[in-house]
C-alpha atoms as a PDB file:
ATOM      1  CA  MET A   1     -20.305  43.486  78.597  1.00  0.00           C
ATOM      2  CA  THR A   2     -22.057  43.341  75.264  1.00  0.00           C
ATOM      3  CA  VAL A   3     -21.777  39.598  74.714  1.00  0.00           C
ATOM      4  CA  VAL A   4     -25.301  38.369  75.341  1.00  0.00           C
ATOM      5  CA  ALA A   5     -24.676  34.669  74.769  1.00  0.00           C
ATOM      6  CA  ALA A   6     -21.857  32.524  73.376  1.00  0.00           C
ATOM      7  CA  TYR A   7     -22.133  28.733  73.359  1.00  0.00           C
ATOM      8  CA  LEU A   8     -20.754  25.686  71.638  1.00  0.00           C
ATOM      9  CA  TYR A   9     -23.355  23.294  70.209  1.00  0.00           C
ATOM     10  CA  ARG A  10     -22.799  19.659  69.357  1.00  0.00           C
ATOM     11  CA  HIS A  11     -25.467  17.518  67.631  1.00  0.00           C
ATOM     12  CA  GLY A  12     -28.120  20.132  68.399  1.00  0.00           C
ATOM     13  CA  LYS A  13     -27.314  20.342  72.116  1.00  0.00           C
ATOM     14  CA  ARG A  14     -25.644  23.139  74.040  1.00  0.00           C
ATOM     15  CA  VAL A  15     -22.300  21.877  75.294  1.00  0.00           C
ATOM     16  CA  ARG A  16     -20.673  24.796  77.107  1.00  0.00           C
ATOM     17  CA  ALA A  17     -20.152  28.520  77.119  1.00  0.00           C
ATOM     18  CA  VAL A  18     -17.271  29.928  75.086  1.00  0.00           C
ATOM     19  CA  SER A  19     -15.311  33.163  75.220  1.00  0.00           C
ATOM     20  CA  ILE A  20     -15.077  35.439  72.192  1.00  0.00           C
ATOM     21  CA  ASP A  21     -11.286  35.295  72.369  1.00  0.00           C
ATOM     22  CA  GLU A  22     -11.317  31.482  72.475  1.00  0.00           C
ATOM     23  CA  LYS A  23     -10.461  29.525  69.356  1.00  0.00           C
ATOM     24  CA  VAL A  24     -12.792  26.549  69.065  1.00  0.00           C
ATOM     25  CA  ASP A  25     -11.840  23.750  66.672  1.00  0.00           C
ATOM     26  CA  CYS A  26     -14.927  22.107  65.212  1.00  0.00           C
ATOM     27  CA  PRO A  27     -15.031  19.003  62.980  1.00  0.00           C
ATOM     28  CA  ALA A  28     -15.727  19.314  59.262  1.00  0.00           C
ATOM     29  CA  ASP A  29     -19.054  17.450  59.380  1.00  0.00           C
ATOM     30  CA  ARG A  30     -20.958  20.507  60.711  1.00  0.00           C
ATOM     31  CA  SER A  31     -22.012  18.589  63.795  1.00  0.00           C
ATOM     32  CA  GLU A  32     -20.480  21.289  65.992  1.00  0.00           C
ATOM     33  CA  PHE A  33     -20.648  25.061  65.749  1.00  0.00           C
ATOM     34  CA  VAL A  34     -20.387  28.181  67.876  1.00  0.00           C
ATOM     35  CA  TRP A  35     -23.288  30.618  68.133  1.00  0.00           C
ATOM     36  CA  ILE A  36     -22.330  34.024  69.527  1.00  0.00           C
ATOM     37  CA  GLY A  37     -24.808  36.835  70.124  1.00  0.00           C
ATOM     38  CA  ILE A  38     -23.573  40.383  70.712  1.00  0.00           C
ATOM     39  CA  CYS A  39     -25.490  43.606  71.248  1.00  0.00           C
ATOM     40  CA  ASP A  40     -23.867  46.994  70.466  1.00  0.00           C
ATOM     41  CA  PRO A  41     -20.297  45.642  70.575  1.00  0.00           C
ATOM     42  CA  THR A  42     -17.199  47.693  71.214  1.00  0.00           C
ATOM     43  CA  ASP A  43     -14.443  48.034  68.615  1.00  0.00           C
ATOM     44  CA  ASP A  44     -12.147  45.812  70.702  1.00  0.00           C
ATOM     45  CA  GLU A  45     -14.725  43.024  70.828  1.00  0.00           C
ATOM     46  CA  MET A  46     -15.228  43.157  67.066  1.00  0.00           C
ATOM     47  CA  ARG A  47     -11.470  43.068  66.478  1.00  0.00           C
ATOM     48  CA  THR A  48     -11.232  40.022  68.737  1.00  0.00           C
ATOM     49  CA  LEU A  49     -13.974  38.243  66.802  1.00  0.00           C
ATOM     50  CA  GLN A  50     -12.347  39.241  63.527  1.00  0.00           C
ATOM     51  CA  GLN A  51      -9.068  37.653  64.554  1.00  0.00           C
ATOM     52  CA  GLN A  52     -10.561  34.470  66.026  1.00  0.00           C
ATOM     53  CA  TYR A  53     -13.018  33.740  63.198  1.00  0.00           C
ATOM     54  CA  ASN A  54     -11.213  35.331  60.246  1.00  0.00           C
ATOM     55  CA  LEU A  55     -14.005  37.813  59.554  1.00  0.00           C
ATOM     56  CA  HIS A  56     -13.573  40.067  56.547  1.00  0.00           C
ATOM     57  CA  PRO A  57     -12.625  43.670  57.472  1.00  0.00           C
ATOM     58  CA  LEU A  58     -15.312  45.191  55.241  1.00  0.00           C
ATOM     59  CA  ALA A  59     -17.982  43.049  56.843  1.00  0.00           C
ATOM     60  CA  VAL A  60     -16.742  43.981  60.313  1.00  0.00           C
ATOM     61  CA  GLU A  61     -16.810  47.652  59.360  1.00  0.00           C
ATOM     62  CA  ASP A  62     -20.417  47.360  58.159  1.00  0.00           C
ATOM     63  CA  ALA A  63     -21.405  45.531  61.342  1.00  0.00           C
ATOM     64  CA  VAL A  64     -19.918  48.263  63.535  1.00  0.00           C
ATOM     65  CA  LYS A  65     -21.427  51.212  61.634  1.00  0.00           C
ATOM     66  CA  ALA A  66     -24.932  49.719  61.609  1.00  0.00           C
ATOM     67  CA  ASP A  67     -26.174  51.914  58.762  1.00  0.00           C
ATOM     68  CA  GLN A  68     -26.720  49.286  56.065  1.00  0.00           C
ATOM     69  CA  LEU A  69     -29.807  48.216  54.178  1.00  0.00           C
ATOM     70  CA  PRO A  70     -30.560  44.476  54.233  1.00  0.00           C
ATOM     71  CA  LYS A  71     -28.084  42.604  52.043  1.00  0.00           C
ATOM     72  CA  VAL A  72     -26.125  39.402  51.488  1.00  0.00           C
ATOM     73  CA  ASP A  73     -22.362  39.491  50.863  1.00  0.00           C
ATOM     74  CA  VAL A  74     -19.997  36.599  50.209  1.00  0.00           C
ATOM     75  CA  TYR A  75     -16.424  36.784  51.521  1.00  0.00           C
ATOM     76  CA  GLY A  76     -14.535  33.645  50.567  1.00  0.00           C
ATOM     77  CA  ASN A  77     -16.179  30.716  52.303  1.00  0.00           C
ATOM     78  CA  GLN A  78     -18.134  32.951  54.693  1.00  0.00           C
ATOM     79  CA  LEU A  79     -21.464  34.713  54.411  1.00  0.00           C
ATOM     80  CA  PHE A  80     -22.342  38.169  55.724  1.00  0.00           C
ATOM     81  CA  VAL A  81     -26.049  39.001  56.069  1.00  0.00           C
ATOM     82  CA  VAL A  82     -27.613  42.269  57.219  1.00  0.00           C
ATOM     83  CA  ALA A  83     -31.252  42.371  58.360  1.00  0.00           C
ATOM     84  CA  ARG A  84     -33.239  45.337  59.643  1.00  0.00           C
ATOM     85  CA  THR A  85     -35.387  44.974  62.728  1.00  0.00           C
ATOM     86  CA  ALA A  86     -38.431  47.161  63.384  1.00  0.00           C
ATOM     87  CA  GLN A  87     -40.536  48.098  66.389  1.00  0.00           C
ATOM     88  CA  LEU A  88     -43.436  50.477  66.904  1.00  0.00           C
ATOM     89  CA  GLU A  89     -42.739  53.470  69.165  1.00  0.00           C
ATOM     90  CA  GLY A  90     -45.885  55.569  69.408  1.00  0.00           C
ATOM     91  CA  ASP A  91     -46.838  56.544  65.863  1.00  0.00           C
ATOM     92  CA  LYS A  92     -43.382  55.888  64.432  1.00  0.00           C
ATOM     93  CA  ILE A  93     -41.526  52.743  63.394  1.00  0.00           C
ATOM     94  CA  ALA A  94     -38.041  52.572  64.921  1.00  0.00           C
ATOM     95  CA  TYR A  95     -35.436  50.499  63.116  1.00  0.00           C
ATOM     96  CA  GLY A  96     -32.488  48.489  64.313  1.00  0.00           C
ATOM     97  CA  GLU A  97     -29.938  46.326  62.554  1.00  0.00           C
ATOM     98  CA  THR A  98     -28.776  42.756  62.944  1.00  0.00           C
ATOM     99  CA  ALA A  99     -25.562  41.760  61.175  1.00  0.00           C
ATOM    100  CA  ILE A 100     -24.881  38.029  60.902  1.00  0.00           C
ATOM    101  CA  PHE A 101     -21.544  36.386  60.152  1.00  0.00           C
ATOM    102  CA  VAL A 102     -21.956  32.811  58.958  1.00  0.00           C
ATOM    103  CA  GLY A 103     -19.024  30.421  58.643  1.00  0.00           C
ATOM    104  CA  HIS A 104     -18.692  26.665  58.415  1.00  0.00           C
ATOM    105  CA  SER A 105     -18.678  26.234  62.181  1.00  0.00           C
ATOM    106  CA  HIS A 106     -19.737  29.584  63.569  1.00  0.00           C
ATOM    107  CA  ILE A 107     -22.592  32.070  63.431  1.00  0.00           C
ATOM    108  CA  ILE A 108     -22.208  35.497  65.022  1.00  0.00           C
ATOM    109  CA  SER A 109     -25.142  37.895  65.333  1.00  0.00           C
ATOM    110  CA  VAL A 110     -24.438  41.554  66.054  1.00  0.00           C
ATOM    111  CA  ARG A 111     -27.485  43.583  67.098  1.00  0.00           C
ATOM    112  CA  HIS A 112     -27.882  47.362  67.128  1.00  0.00           C
ATOM    113  CA  GLY A 113     -30.941  49.251  68.368  1.00  0.00           C
ATOM    114  CA  SER A 114     -33.245  46.234  68.601  1.00  0.00           C
ATOM    115  CA  ALA A 115     -35.419  45.772  71.676  1.00  0.00           C
ATOM    116  CA  ARG A 116     -36.164  42.137  70.757  1.00  0.00           C
ATOM    117  CA  SER A 117     -33.284  39.993  71.952  1.00  0.00           C
ATOM    118  CA  HIS A 118     -32.570  36.534  70.581  1.00  0.00           C
ATOM    119  CA  LYS A 119     -32.859  34.930  73.998  1.00  0.00           C
ATOM    120  CA  ALA A 120     -36.368  33.623  73.350  1.00  0.00           C
ATOM    121  CA  LEU A 121     -35.315  32.356  69.923  1.00  0.00           C
ATOM    122  CA  ARG A 122     -32.269  30.575  71.334  1.00  0.00           C
ATOM    123  CA  GLU A 123     -34.362  28.943  74.058  1.00  0.00           C
ATOM    124  CA  GLN A 124     -36.935  27.845  71.505  1.00  0.00           C
ATOM    125  CA  LEU A 125     -34.306  26.213  69.298  1.00  0.00           C
ATOM    126  CA  GLU A 126     -32.584  24.555  72.241  1.00  0.00           C
ATOM    127  CA  ALA A 127     -35.901  23.150  73.444  1.00  0.00           C
ATOM    128  CA  ALA A 128     -36.553  21.524  70.043  1.00  0.00           C
ATOM    129  CA  PRO A 129     -33.099  20.971  68.516  1.00  0.00           C
ATOM    130  CA  THR A 130     -34.308  19.483  65.220  1.00  0.00           C
ATOM    131  CA  LEU A 131     -32.975  22.550  63.394  1.00  0.00           C
ATOM    132  CA  LEU A 132     -29.863  23.140  65.510  1.00  0.00           C
ATOM    133  CA  ILE A 133     -28.628  19.672  64.698  1.00  0.00           C
ATOM    134  CA  ASN A 134     -28.421  20.600  60.992  1.00  0.00           C
ATOM    135  CA  GLY A 135     -25.925  23.424  61.345  1.00  0.00           C
ATOM    136  CA  VAL A 136     -25.467  27.172  61.059  1.00  0.00           C
ATOM    137  CA  ASP A 137     -27.648  27.718  57.967  1.00  0.00           C
ATOM    138  CA  TYR A 138     -30.729  26.648  59.907  1.00  0.00           C
ATOM    139  CA  VAL A 139     -29.810  29.046  62.702  1.00  0.00           C
ATOM    140  CA  LEU A 140     -29.485  31.803  60.089  1.00  0.00           C
ATOM    141  CA  HIS A 141     -32.988  30.965  58.871  1.00  0.00           C
ATOM    142  CA  ALA A 142     -34.326  31.072  62.434  1.00  0.00           C
ATOM    143  CA  ILE A 143     -32.833  34.536  63.020  1.00  0.00           C
ATOM    144  CA  LEU A 144     -34.178  35.962  59.746  1.00  0.00           C
ATOM    145  CA  ASP A 145     -37.577  34.413  60.373  1.00  0.00           C
ATOM    146  CA  TYR A 146     -37.575  35.870  63.892  1.00  0.00           C
ATOM    147  CA  VAL A 147     -36.780  39.345  62.520  1.00  0.00           C
ATOM    148  CA  VAL A 148     -39.451  39.192  59.798  1.00  0.00           C
ATOM    149  CA  ASP A 149     -42.083  37.836  62.192  1.00  0.00           C
ATOM    150  CA  GLY A 150     -41.566  40.999  64.251  1.00  0.00           C
ATOM    151  CA  TYR A 151     -42.935  43.047  61.341  1.00  0.00           C
ATOM    152  CA  LEU A 152     -46.424  41.557  61.465  1.00  0.00           C
ATOM    153  CA  PRO A 153     -47.534  42.896  64.903  1.00  0.00           C
ATOM    154  CA  ILE A 154     -46.478  46.380  63.774  1.00  0.00           C
ATOM    155  CA  MET A 155     -48.676  46.176  60.693  1.00  0.00           C
ATOM    156  CA  GLU A 156     -51.595  44.734  62.638  1.00  0.00           C
ATOM    157  CA  SER A 157     -51.408  47.551  65.203  1.00  0.00           C
ATOM    158  CA  ILE A 158     -51.286  50.226  62.494  1.00  0.00           C
ATOM    159  CA  GLU A 159     -54.075  48.476  60.591  1.00  0.00           C
ATOM    160  CA  ASP A 160     -56.368  48.619  63.649  1.00  0.00           C
ATOM    161  CA  GLU A 161     -55.687  52.329  64.040  1.00  0.00           C
ATOM    162  CA  VAL A 162     -56.264  53.040  60.342  1.00  0.00           C
ATOM    163  CA  LEU A 163     -59.586  51.175  60.330  1.00  0.00           C
ATOM    164  CA  ALA A 164     -60.711  53.088  63.436  1.00  0.00           C
ATOM    165  CA  MET A 165     -59.716  56.324  61.722  1.00  0.00           C
ATOM    166  CA  GLU A 166     -61.707  55.285  58.658  1.00  0.00           C
ATOM    167  CA  GLN A 167     -64.814  54.805  60.817  1.00  0.00           C
ATOM    168  CA  ARG A 168     -64.329  58.208  62.462  1.00  0.00           C
ATOM    169  CA  THR A 169     -64.164  59.777  59.014  1.00  0.00           C
ATOM    170  CA  ILE A 170     -67.705  58.605  58.288  1.00  0.00           C
ATOM    171  CA  ASP A 171     -69.053  60.034  61.548  1.00  0.00           C
ATOM    172  CA  ALA A 172     -67.387  63.457  61.627  1.00  0.00           C
ATOM    173  CA  PHE A 173     -64.889  65.804  60.057  1.00  0.00           C
ATOM    174  CA  LEU A 174     -61.244  64.879  60.486  1.00  0.00           C
ATOM    175  CA  GLY A 175     -59.401  67.412  62.584  1.00  0.00           C
ATOM    176  CA  ARG A 176     -56.006  68.832  61.759  1.00  0.00           C
ATOM    177  CA  ASP A 177     -54.275  66.432  64.171  1.00  0.00           C
ATOM    178  CA  GLU A 178     -55.849  63.419  62.486  1.00  0.00           C
ATOM    179  CA  ILE A 179     -54.907  64.653  59.013  1.00  0.00           C
ATOM    180  CA  VAL A 180     -51.332  65.148  60.191  1.00  0.00           C
ATOM    181  CA  ARG A 181     -51.451  61.620  61.622  1.00  0.00           C
ATOM    182  CA  ILE A 182     -52.624  60.219  58.260  1.00  0.00           C
ATOM    183  CA  PHE A 183     -49.696  61.782  56.424  1.00  0.00           C
ATOM    184  CA  GLY A 184     -47.322  60.655  59.180  1.00  0.00           C
ATOM    185  CA  LEU A 185     -48.496  57.045  58.861  1.00  0.00           C
ATOM    186  CA  ARG A 186     -48.188  57.189  55.054  1.00  0.00           C
ATOM    187  CA  ARG A 187     -44.629  58.413  55.470  1.00  0.00           C
ATOM    188  CA  GLU A 188     -43.880  55.524  57.850  1.00  0.00           C
ATOM    189  CA  MET A 189     -45.342  53.051  55.334  1.00  0.00           C
ATOM    190  CA  ILE A 190     -43.115  54.435  52.568  1.00  0.00           C
ATOM    191  CA  ARG A 191     -40.034  54.124  54.800  1.00  0.00           C
ATOM    192  CA  PHE A 192     -41.024  50.582  55.761  1.00  0.00           C
ATOM    193  CA  GLN A 193     -41.352  49.580  52.107  1.00  0.00           C
ATOM    194  CA  ARG A 194     -37.743  50.666  51.589  1.00  0.00           C
ATOM    195  CA  ILE A 195     -36.751  48.070  54.185  1.00  0.00           C
ATOM    196  CA  LEU A 196     -39.072  45.287  53.027  1.00  0.00           C
ATOM    197  CA  GLY A 197     -37.808  45.356  49.448  1.00  0.00           C
ATOM    198  CA  PRO A 198     -34.161  44.593  50.350  1.00  0.00           C
ATOM    199  CA  MET A 199     -35.279  42.073  53.006  1.00  0.00           C
ATOM    200  CA  GLY A 200     -37.175  40.189  50.303  1.00  0.00           C
ATOM    201  CA  GLU A 201     -34.063  40.305  48.109  1.00  0.00           C
ATOM    202  CA  VAL A 202     -31.971  38.817  50.937  1.00  0.00           C
ATOM    203  CA  ALA A 203     -34.278  35.824  51.298  1.00  0.00           C
ATOM    204  CA  GLY A 204     -34.624  35.517  47.523  1.00  0.00           C
ATOM    205  CA  LYS A 205     -30.852  35.450  46.955  1.00  0.00           C
ATOM    206  CA  ILE A 206     -30.364  32.765  49.588  1.00  0.00           C
ATOM    207  CA  VAL A 207     -33.068  30.679  47.892  1.00  0.00           C
ATOM    208  CA  ARG A 208     -31.846  31.161  44.313  1.00  0.00           C
ATOM    209  CA  LEU A 209     -28.058  31.412  44.556  1.00  0.00           C
ATOM    210  CA  ASP A 210     -25.449  28.831  45.457  1.00  0.00           C
ATOM    211  CA  LEU A 211     -23.950  30.398  48.572  1.00  0.00           C
ATOM    212  CA  PRO A 212     -21.343  29.104  51.019  1.00  0.00           C
ATOM    213  CA  CYS A 213     -22.605  27.605  54.281  1.00  0.00           C
ATOM    214  CA  ILE A 214     -26.143  27.244  52.880  1.00  0.00           C
ATOM    215  CA  ASP A 215     -27.242  23.658  52.328  1.00  0.00           C
ATOM    216  CA  THR A 216     -29.650  22.898  49.483  1.00  0.00           C
ATOM    217  CA  GLU A 217     -32.088  21.266  51.893  1.00  0.00           C
ATOM    218  CA  ALA A 218     -32.261  24.502  53.910  1.00  0.00           C
ATOM    219  CA  LYS A 219     -33.419  26.656  50.976  1.00  0.00           C
ATOM    220  CA  PRO A 220     -37.170  25.896  51.391  1.00  0.00           C
ATOM    221  CA  TYR A 221     -36.952  27.397  54.878  1.00  0.00           C
ATOM    222  CA  PHE A 222     -35.655  30.678  53.438  1.00  0.00           C
ATOM    223  CA  SER A 223     -38.407  30.523  50.834  1.00  0.00           C
ATOM    224  CA  ASP A 224     -40.845  30.584  53.750  1.00  0.00           C
ATOM    225  CA  VAL A 225     -39.134  33.756  55.047  1.00  0.00           C
ATOM    226  CA  LEU A 226     -39.576  35.298  51.597  1.00  0.00           C
ATOM    227  CA  ASP A 227     -43.291  34.482  51.698  1.00  0.00           C
ATOM    228  CA  HIS A 228     -43.590  36.218  55.075  1.00  0.00           C
ATOM    229  CA  VAL A 229     -41.865  39.328  53.719  1.00  0.00           C
ATOM    230  CA  ARG A 230     -44.212  39.414  50.729  1.00  0.00           C
ATOM    231  CA  ARG A 231     -47.201  39.076  53.041  1.00  0.00           C
ATOM    232  CA  VAL A 232     -46.086  42.116  55.032  1.00  0.00           C
ATOM    233  CA  GLN A 233     -45.404  44.012  51.784  1.00  0.00           C
ATOM    234  CA  THR A 234     -48.982  43.325  50.691  1.00  0.00           C
ATOM    235  CA  MET A 235     -50.274  44.632  54.022  1.00  0.00           C
ATOM    236  CA  VAL A 236     -48.176  47.798  53.716  1.00  0.00           C
ATOM    237  CA  GLU A 237     -49.437  48.482  50.197  1.00  0.00           C
ATOM    238  CA  GLY A 238     -53.022  47.922  51.345  1.00  0.00           C
ATOM    239  CA  LEU A 239     -52.605  50.265  54.319  1.00  0.00           C
ATOM    240  CA  ARG A 240     -51.149  52.983  52.094  1.00  0.00           C
ATOM    241  CA  GLU A 241     -54.175  52.738  49.833  1.00  0.00           C
ATOM    242  CA  VAL A 242     -56.551  52.838  52.804  1.00  0.00           C
ATOM    243  CA  LEU A 243     -54.805  55.906  54.244  1.00  0.00           C
ATOM    244  CA  THR A 244     -55.077  57.649  50.877  1.00  0.00           C
ATOM    245  CA  SER A 245     -58.747  56.724  50.550  1.00  0.00           C
ATOM    246  CA  VAL A 246     -59.467  57.887  54.133  1.00  0.00           C
ATOM    247  CA  PHE A 247     -58.071  61.330  53.336  1.00  0.00           C
ATOM    248  CA  GLU A 248     -59.851  61.537  49.978  1.00  0.00           C
ATOM    249  CA  PHE A 249     -63.129  60.306  51.489  1.00  0.00           C
ATOM    250  CA  SER A 250     -62.875  62.815  54.334  1.00  0.00           C
ATOM    251  CA  ASN A 251     -62.201  65.578  51.833  1.00  0.00           C
ATOM    252  CA  LEU A 252     -65.193  64.495  49.736  1.00  0.00           C
ATOM    253  CA  LEU A 253     -67.508  64.407  52.761  1.00  0.00           C
ATOM    254  CA  GLU A 254     -66.313  67.825  53.828  1.00  0.00           C
ATOM    255  CA  GLN A 255     -67.037  69.184  50.352  1.00  0.00           C
ATOM    256  CA  GLN A 256     -70.498  67.616  50.427  1.00  0.00           C
ATOM    257  CA  ARG A 257     -71.283  69.068  53.850  1.00  0.00           C
ATOM    258  CA  THR A 258     -69.952  72.466  52.814  1.00  0.00           C
ATOM    259  CA  GLY A 259     -72.046  72.306  49.639  1.00  0.00           C
ATOM    260  CA  ALA A 260     -75.167  71.430  51.638  1.00  0.00           C
ATOM    261  CA  ILE A 261     -74.626  74.386  53.947  1.00  0.00           C
ATOM    262  CA  THR A 262     -74.005  76.659  50.951  1.00  0.00           C
ATOM    263  CA  ARG A 263     -77.263  75.529  49.329  1.00  0.00           C
ATOM    264  CA  GLN A 264     -79.203  76.102  52.545  1.00  0.00           C
ATOM    265  CA  LEU A 265     -77.793  79.600  52.886  1.00  0.00           C
ATOM    266  CA  ALA A 266     -78.564  80.348  49.243  1.00  0.00           C
ATOM    267  CA  ALA A 267     -82.153  79.089  49.629  1.00  0.00           C
ATOM    268  CA  TRP A 268     -82.807  81.198  52.720  1.00  0.00           C
ATOM    269  CA  ALA A 269     -81.189  84.198  51.033  1.00  0.00           C
ATOM    270  CA  ALA A 270     -83.556  83.776  48.056  1.00  0.00           C
ATOM    271  CA  ILE A 271     -86.585  83.518  50.361  1.00  0.00           C
ATOM    272  CA  LEU A 272     -85.580  86.565  52.402  1.00  0.00           C
ATOM    273  CA  ALA A 273     -84.893  88.527  49.232  1.00  0.00           C
ATOM    274  CA  VAL A 274     -88.662  88.739  48.519  1.00  0.00           C
ATOM    275  CA  PRO A 275     -89.715  90.683  51.660  1.00  0.00           C
ATOM    276  CA  THR A 276     -86.492  92.630  51.493  1.00  0.00           C
ATOM    277  CA  ALA A 277     -87.245  93.777  47.917  1.00  0.00           C
ATOM    278  CA  ILE A 278     -90.856  94.673  48.633  1.00  0.00           C
ATOM    279  CA  ALA A 279     -89.987  96.459  51.873  1.00  0.00           C
ATOM    280  CA  GLY A 280     -87.201  98.249  50.062  1.00  0.00           C
ATOM    281  CA  ILE A 281     -89.576  99.591  47.416  1.00  0.00           C
ATOM    282  CA  TYR A 282     -92.104 100.862  49.952  1.00  0.00           C
ATOM    283  CA  GLY A 283     -89.367 102.239  52.093  1.00  0.00           C
ATOM    284  CA  MET A 284     -88.462 104.860  49.469  1.00  0.00           C
ATOM    285  CA  ASN A 285     -89.609 108.356  50.540  1.00  0.00           C
ATOM    286  CA  PHE A 286     -91.339 109.518  47.339  1.00  0.00           C
ATOM    287  CA  GLU A 287     -94.461 111.636  47.794  1.00  0.00           C
ATOM    288  CA  HIS A 288     -96.421 110.203  44.845  1.00  0.00           C
ATOM    289  CA  MET A 289     -96.350 106.382  45.101  1.00  0.00           C
ATOM    290  CA  PRO A 290     -99.286 104.086  44.121  1.00  0.00           C
ATOM    291  CA  GLU A 291    -101.342 102.321  46.762  1.00  0.00           C
ATOM    292  CA  LEU A 292     -99.894 104.334  49.616  1.00  0.00           C
ATOM    293  CA  LYS A 293    -103.362 105.278  50.812  1.00  0.00           C
ATOM    294  CA  THR A 294    -105.059 101.935  50.052  1.00  0.00           C
ATOM    295  CA  GLN A 295    -106.985 100.736  53.125  1.00  0.00           C
ATOM    296  CA  TYR A 296    -105.912  97.070  52.906  1.00  0.00           C
ATOM    297  CA  GLY A 297    -102.606  97.533  51.069  1.00  0.00           C
ATOM    298  CA  TYR A 298    -100.495  96.571  54.121  1.00  0.00           C
ATOM    299  CA  PHE A 299    -102.259  93.259  54.546  1.00  0.00           C
ATOM    300  CA  VAL A 300    -102.158  92.547  50.801  1.00  0.00           C
ATOM    301  CA  VAL A 301     -98.415  93.105  50.758  1.00  0.00           C
ATOM    302  CA  LEU A 302     -97.938  90.820  53.766  1.00  0.00           C
ATOM    303  CA  GLY A 303    -100.060  88.160  52.052  1.00  0.00           C
ATOM    304  CA  VAL A 304     -98.023  88.417  48.842  1.00  0.00           C
ATOM    305  CA  ILE A 305     -94.793  88.095  50.829  1.00  0.00           C
ATOM    306  CA  ALA A 306     -96.112  85.036  52.698  1.00  0.00           C
ATOM    307  CA  VAL A 307     -97.357  83.319  49.526  1.00  0.00           C
ATOM    308  CA  VAL A 308     -94.148  83.921  47.555  1.00  0.00           C
ATOM    309  CA  CYS A 309     -91.886  82.921  50.459  1.00  0.00           C
ATOM    310  CA  SER A 310     -93.926  79.776  51.124  1.00  0.00           C
ATOM    311  CA  ALA A 311     -93.781  78.816  47.444  1.00  0.00           C
ATOM    312  CA  LEU A 312     -90.007  79.308  47.403  1.00  0.00           C
ATOM    313  CA  TYR A 313     -89.630  77.317  50.640  1.00  0.00           C
ATOM    314  CA  LEU A 314     -91.630  74.380  49.216  1.00  0.00           C
ATOM    315  CA  LYS A 315     -89.633  74.519  45.993  1.00  0.00           C
ATOM    316  CA  PHE A 316     -86.304  74.448  47.792  1.00  0.00           C
ATOM    317  CA  LYS A 317     -87.583  71.732  50.121  1.00  0.00           C
ATOM    318  CA  GLN A 318     -88.566  69.633  47.115  1.00  0.00           C
ATOM    319  CA  ALA A 319     -85.110  70.167  45.625  1.00  0.00           C
ATOM    320  CA  LYS A 320     -83.598  69.084  49.003  1.00  0.00           C
ATOM    321  CA  TRP A 321     -81.833  72.368  49.488  1.00  0.00           C
ATOM    322  CA  LEU A 322     -83.539  72.763  52.859  1.00  0.00           C
END
């Protein structure tokens, strides 16, 4: 059974459980409403809900497919909201979808692929019914706020990993696996931004537009959701910049270290070129060469080699090539 919870609320208090095929008549003063939570529903269950609560067929179709970006649609006197949930699975962000049908006296949440159930949220609201007593729009805010609050731990976890990676960059070369990880995280950040933008638009539309089932006094609560989305967007943009700088900094350090090694090799090659050149000259097998029979020529040549090589070594040392 995919119905997680279905209850009737009156004046902020849970009254009784309801069935999805039960028609509940609620008064017009919004003091009573039905809150139904479903996870991965079957087609029959969605058809039952559609008949009992007069849900629009297009909205039902979107809720069943679960392939929508966050959005807000108005169907007559009902509201259809799609939010995207997110959770961290290893190095990747996995996404789910929560579709919410909001009517005058009902709110139906349909979850797909989300590991975070609304049980804790429902218990929290029932324990302090100051929001439940106001109607379905406040429950809608609580669900959206619950979804957006789930984004922050993901960003904090990735941020810790990125900062640790930044420190490792200073200490040593980044390996191929770490470079692949950097590009993988950047790709995840880009995908996440594609979700955050529409989520911000959802909260913004609810704040700005005159929508059915949304009371004017509830709009500041949705403004708070918008602020939370913008905060996460700022974190994502910052992490993308840090990931880019980590790669560029690692590349720069690698170039510097490679350059230092190249200079050291060049300096030693220049020093070794002196004895090599002198030895090469005296290694030629010509019969008539000067100083071949000089008594101290060998030691003079060794002294010249030592003096020249020492001078080159000190010069390169002064230039910090060695």
